[in-house]
Amino acid sequence: MICQTIRKGSDCAFMTAKGCGYNGGLCHEIVEACKGCARVTQIESGSYCSSCPEPAMKWKRGNCNLATHIVVAAAAPKAKVNPLKASKRGMQ
């Protein structure tokens, strides 16, 4: 449904016919770590995340899984080594 509280006019998953169904009935502003993300929307009352009503909870245990400005480098997989062959190579 369309938000009628803070982010007026934008689509919101928590909005119902009775009002905002999120904890407290309001979206929370972004935290410092969210700056630079493509999901941040500027509204007259402040900056809000378009995907999450409480961004601080997403950053509580590390990086936000919705953040577009953070690139995580994948670790190179280690090649499996057969211990029997490795011990024979060491004998030579």
C-alpha atoms as a PDB file:
ATOM      1  CA  MET A   1       0.000   0.000   0.000  1.00  0.00           C
ATOM      2  CA  ILE A   2       0.964   3.622  -0.259  1.00  0.00           C
ATOM      3  CA  CYS A   3       2.546   5.117   2.874  1.00  0.00           C
ATOM      4  CA  GLN A   4       0.485   7.788   4.632  1.00  0.00           C
ATOM      5  CA  THR A   5       2.822   8.584   7.564  1.00  0.00           C
ATOM      6  CA  ILE A   6       6.400   9.723   6.844  1.00  0.00           C
ATOM      7  CA  ARG A   7       7.213   8.573   3.308  1.00  0.00           C
ATOM      8  CA  LYS A   8       3.932   9.808   1.799  1.00  0.00           C
ATOM      9  CA  GLY A   9       3.282   8.593  -1.714  1.00  0.00           C
ATOM     10  CA  SER A  10       5.844   5.763  -1.726  1.00  0.00           C
ATOM     11  CA  ASP A  11       5.031   2.069  -1.646  1.00  0.00           C
ATOM     12  CA  CYS A  12       5.317   0.482   1.819  1.00  0.00           C
ATOM     13  CA  ALA A  13       4.976  -3.165   2.846  1.00  0.00           C
ATOM     14  CA  PHE A  14       3.986  -2.231   6.410  1.00  0.00           C
ATOM     15  CA  MET A  15       1.101   0.089   5.534  1.00  0.00           C
ATOM     16  CA  THR A  16      -2.389  -1.311   6.160  1.00  0.00           C
ATOM     17  CA  ALA A  17      -5.885   0.149   6.134  1.00  0.00           C
ATOM     18  CA  LYS A  18      -5.516   0.785   9.885  1.00  0.00           C
ATOM     19  CA  GLY A  19      -2.220   2.662   9.469  1.00  0.00           C
ATOM     20  CA  CYS A  20       1.439   1.755   9.673  1.00  0.00           C
ATOM     21  CA  GLY A  21       1.914  -1.745  11.054  1.00  0.00           C
ATOM     22  CA  TYR A  22       5.614  -1.386  11.816  1.00  0.00           C
ATOM     23  CA  ASN A  23       6.834  -1.300  15.410  1.00  0.00           C
ATOM     24  CA  GLY A  24       5.972   2.188  16.636  1.00  0.00           C
ATOM     25  CA  GLY A  25       4.134   3.079  13.438  1.00  0.00           C
ATOM     26  CA  LEU A  26       7.026   5.124  12.024  1.00  0.00           C
ATOM     27  CA  CYS A  27      10.039   4.605   9.812  1.00  0.00           C
ATOM     28  CA  HIS A  28      13.413   5.529  11.293  1.00  0.00           C
ATOM     29  CA  GLU A  29      16.011   7.733   9.616  1.00  0.00           C
ATOM     30  CA  ILE A  30      19.161   6.252   8.122  1.00  0.00           C
ATOM     31  CA  VAL A  31      22.363   5.830  10.098  1.00  0.00           C
ATOM     32  CA  GLU A  32      25.808   7.158   9.126  1.00  0.00           C
ATOM     33  CA  ALA A  33      26.796   3.842   7.503  1.00  0.00           C
ATOM     34  CA  CYS A  34      23.904   4.130   5.019  1.00  0.00           C
ATOM     35  CA  LYS A  35      25.277   7.269   3.378  1.00  0.00           C
ATOM     36  CA  GLY A  36      26.125   6.554  -0.244  1.00  0.00           C
ATOM     37  CA  CYS A  37      23.617   3.730  -0.677  1.00  0.00           C
ATOM     38  CA  ALA A  38      21.328   3.816  -3.718  1.00  0.00           C
ATOM     39  CA  ARG A  39      18.309   2.876  -1.580  1.00  0.00           C
ATOM     40  CA  VAL A  40      18.374   6.124   0.432  1.00  0.00           C
ATOM     41  CA  THR A  41      15.536   8.502  -0.412  1.00  0.00           C
ATOM     42  CA  GLN A  42      15.515  12.178   0.518  1.00  0.00           C
ATOM     43  CA  ILE A  43      12.224  13.485   1.935  1.00  0.00           C
ATOM     44  CA  GLU A  44      11.446  16.864   3.502  1.00  0.00           C
ATOM     45  CA  SER A  45      11.615  15.359   6.999  1.00  0.00           C
ATOM     46  CA  GLY A  46      14.967  13.582   6.442  1.00  0.00           C
ATOM     47  CA  SER A  47      16.673  10.647   4.729  1.00  0.00           C
ATOM     48  CA  TYR A  48      15.041   7.231   4.799  1.00  0.00           C
ATOM     49  CA  CYS A  49      15.797   3.770   3.404  1.00  0.00           C
ATOM     50  CA  SER A  50      13.368   2.640   0.718  1.00  0.00           C
ATOM     51  CA  SER A  51      13.812  -1.042   1.655  1.00  0.00           C
ATOM     52  CA  CYS A  52      14.012  -1.121   5.436  1.00  0.00           C
ATOM     53  CA  PRO A  53      11.981   0.840   8.014  1.00  0.00           C
ATOM     54  CA  GLU A  54      14.736   0.670  10.667  1.00  0.00           C
ATOM     55  CA  PRO A  55      18.220   0.752   9.075  1.00  0.00           C
ATOM     56  CA  ALA A  56      20.070   0.710  12.409  1.00  0.00           C
ATOM     57  CA  MET A  57      18.938  -2.882  12.953  1.00  0.00           C
ATOM     58  CA  LYS A  58      20.452  -3.945   9.619  1.00  0.00           C
ATOM     59  CA  TRP A  59      23.863  -2.583  10.655  1.00  0.00           C
ATOM     60  CA  LYS A  60      23.747  -3.978  14.188  1.00  0.00           C
ATOM     61  CA  ARG A  61      25.650  -7.197  13.407  1.00  0.00           C
ATOM     62  CA  GLY A  62      27.938  -6.047  10.645  1.00  0.00           C
ATOM     63  CA  ASN A  63      27.236  -4.857   7.118  1.00  0.00           C
ATOM     64  CA  CYS A  64      23.693  -4.366   5.870  1.00  0.00           C
ATOM     65  CA  ASN A  65      22.725  -7.055   3.364  1.00  0.00           C
ATOM     66  CA  LEU A  66      20.787  -4.478   1.317  1.00  0.00           C
ATOM     67  CA  ALA A  67      23.609  -1.926   1.047  1.00  0.00           C
ATOM     68  CA  THR A  68      24.524  -1.121  -2.540  1.00  0.00           C
ATOM     69  CA  HIS A  69      27.649   0.887  -1.732  1.00  0.00           C
ATOM     70  CA  ILE A  70      29.550  -1.961  -0.035  1.00  0.00           C
ATOM     71  CA  VAL A  71      31.385  -4.491  -2.176  1.00  0.00           C
ATOM     72  CA  VAL A  72      32.503  -7.677  -0.473  1.00  0.00           C
ATOM     73  CA  ALA A  73      35.396  -9.453  -2.155  1.00  0.00           C
ATOM     74  CA  ALA A  74      34.935 -13.195  -2.409  1.00  0.00           C
ATOM     75  CA  ALA A  75      37.732 -15.253  -0.900  1.00  0.00           C
ATOM     76  CA  ALA A  76      39.606 -17.468  -3.343  1.00  0.00           C
ATOM     77  CA  PRO A  77      38.797 -21.112  -2.689  1.00  0.00           C
ATOM     78  CA  LYS A  78      41.736 -23.198  -1.544  1.00  0.00           C
ATOM     79  CA  ALA A  79      42.679 -26.112  -3.737  1.00  0.00           C
ATOM     80  CA  LYS A  80      42.204 -29.462  -2.079  1.00  0.00           C
ATOM     81  CA  VAL A  81      45.448 -31.295  -1.386  1.00  0.00           C
ATOM     82  CA  ASN A  82      45.533 -35.041  -1.092  1.00  0.00           C
ATOM     83  CA  PRO A  83      47.641 -35.734   2.035  1.00  0.00           C
ATOM     84  CA  LEU A  84      48.980 -39.028   0.636  1.00  0.00           C
ATOM     85  CA  LYS A  85      50.283 -37.372  -2.525  1.00  0.00           C
ATOM     86  CA  ALA A  86      51.673 -34.463  -0.552  1.00  0.00           C
ATOM     87  CA  SER A  87      53.677 -36.782   1.682  1.00  0.00           C
ATOM     88  CA  LYS A  88      55.102 -38.586  -1.357  1.00  0.00           C
ATOM     89  CA  ARG A  89      56.122 -35.260  -2.901  1.00  0.00           C
ATOM     90  CA  GLY A  90      57.977 -34.363   0.270  1.00  0.00           C
ATOM     91  CA  MET A  91      60.047 -37.538   0.114  1.00  0.00           C
ATOM     92  CA  GLN A  92      61.660 -36.655  -3.239  1.00  0.00           C
END
